[in-house]
Amino acid sequence: MEQKARIIPSVQLEELKLSDLAGEQVVVIEPQKSSKTKLTIGYWVRLDHQYQGEDEWYIPKNAIVFK
């Protein structure tokens, strides 16, 4: 997929304790789909730096804005 996006604040991002990532520019690696409905529920993204020792994170769908 490799599409550029920005992480925005959301309740789900807070619940995942990832609010610090809001505002980050990321590259979307892969959509995460619901096993029941097959609808996209979030995305695996790559940061251009490490956060908590990782550069790839799951971000909920409502916390991503595509460029």
Protein backbone atom coordinates (compact mmCIF):
# COMPACT_ATOMS: atom_id res chain seq x y z
CA MET A 1 0.00 0.00 0.00
CA GLU A 2 2.76 2.48 1.04
CA GLN A 3 0.59 5.62 1.16
CA LYS A 4 1.44 8.76 3.16
CA ALA A 5 -0.89 9.79 5.98
CA ARG A 6 -1.02 11.76 9.22
CA ILE A 7 -2.10 10.49 12.64
CA ILE A 8 -4.78 12.62 14.29
CA PRO A 9 -6.13 12.57 17.87
CA SER A 10 -8.96 10.14 18.64
CA VAL A 11 -10.52 8.37 21.60
CA GLN A 12 -9.30 5.01 20.27
CA LEU A 13 -5.75 6.34 19.97
CA GLU A 14 -5.96 7.43 23.63
CA GLU A 15 -7.31 4.00 24.65
CA LEU A 16 -4.27 2.40 22.99
CA LYS A 17 -2.03 4.84 24.92
CA LEU A 18 -0.66 6.19 21.62
CA SER A 19 -1.80 9.82 21.87
CA ASP A 20 1.83 10.94 21.64
CA LEU A 21 1.77 9.88 17.98
CA ALA A 22 -0.94 12.41 17.03
CA GLY A 23 0.45 14.79 14.41
CA GLU A 24 3.05 12.32 13.11
CA GLN A 25 3.50 11.84 9.38
CA VAL A 26 3.53 8.11 8.57
CA VAL A 27 3.59 5.64 5.71
CA VAL A 28 0.66 3.23 5.68
CA ILE A 29 1.96 -0.30 5.20
CA GLU A 30 -1.20 -2.41 5.32
CA PRO A 31 -4.89 -2.06 6.16
CA GLN A 32 -6.22 -4.15 9.05
CA LYS A 33 -9.59 -5.68 8.22
CA SER A 34 -12.29 -7.04 10.51
CA SER A 35 -12.40 -10.83 10.32
CA LYS A 36 -16.22 -10.73 10.41
CA THR A 37 -17.13 -7.85 8.11
CA LYS A 38 -13.91 -7.54 6.07
CA LEU A 39 -14.16 -3.75 6.51
CA THR A 40 -11.02 -1.76 7.28
CA ILE A 41 -10.78 -1.05 11.02
CA GLY A 42 -7.28 0.41 11.12
CA TYR A 43 -3.86 0.47 9.52
CA TRP A 44 -0.35 -0.72 10.17
CA VAL A 45 1.90 2.29 9.72
CA ARG A 46 5.63 3.00 9.68
CA LEU A 47 7.09 6.02 11.48
CA ASP A 48 10.27 7.69 10.25
CA HIS A 49 11.70 7.18 13.77
CA GLN A 50 11.23 4.75 16.62
CA TYR A 51 8.58 5.23 19.29
CA GLN A 52 8.91 3.01 22.36
CA GLY A 53 11.51 0.98 20.48
CA GLU A 54 9.31 0.29 17.43
CA ASP A 55 8.79 2.01 14.10
CA GLU A 56 5.65 0.08 13.03
CA TRP A 57 2.33 0.58 14.82
CA TYR A 58 -1.36 -0.25 14.49
CA ILE A 59 -3.43 2.92 14.25
CA PRO A 60 -7.27 2.89 14.33
CA LYS A 61 -9.06 3.99 11.15
CA ASN A 62 -10.51 7.14 12.72
CA ALA A 63 -7.03 8.33 13.75
CA ILE A 64 -5.65 8.46 10.17
CA VAL A 65 -5.97 11.18 7.56
CA PHE A 66 -4.65 10.38 4.10
CA LYS A 67 -2.74 12.99 2.13
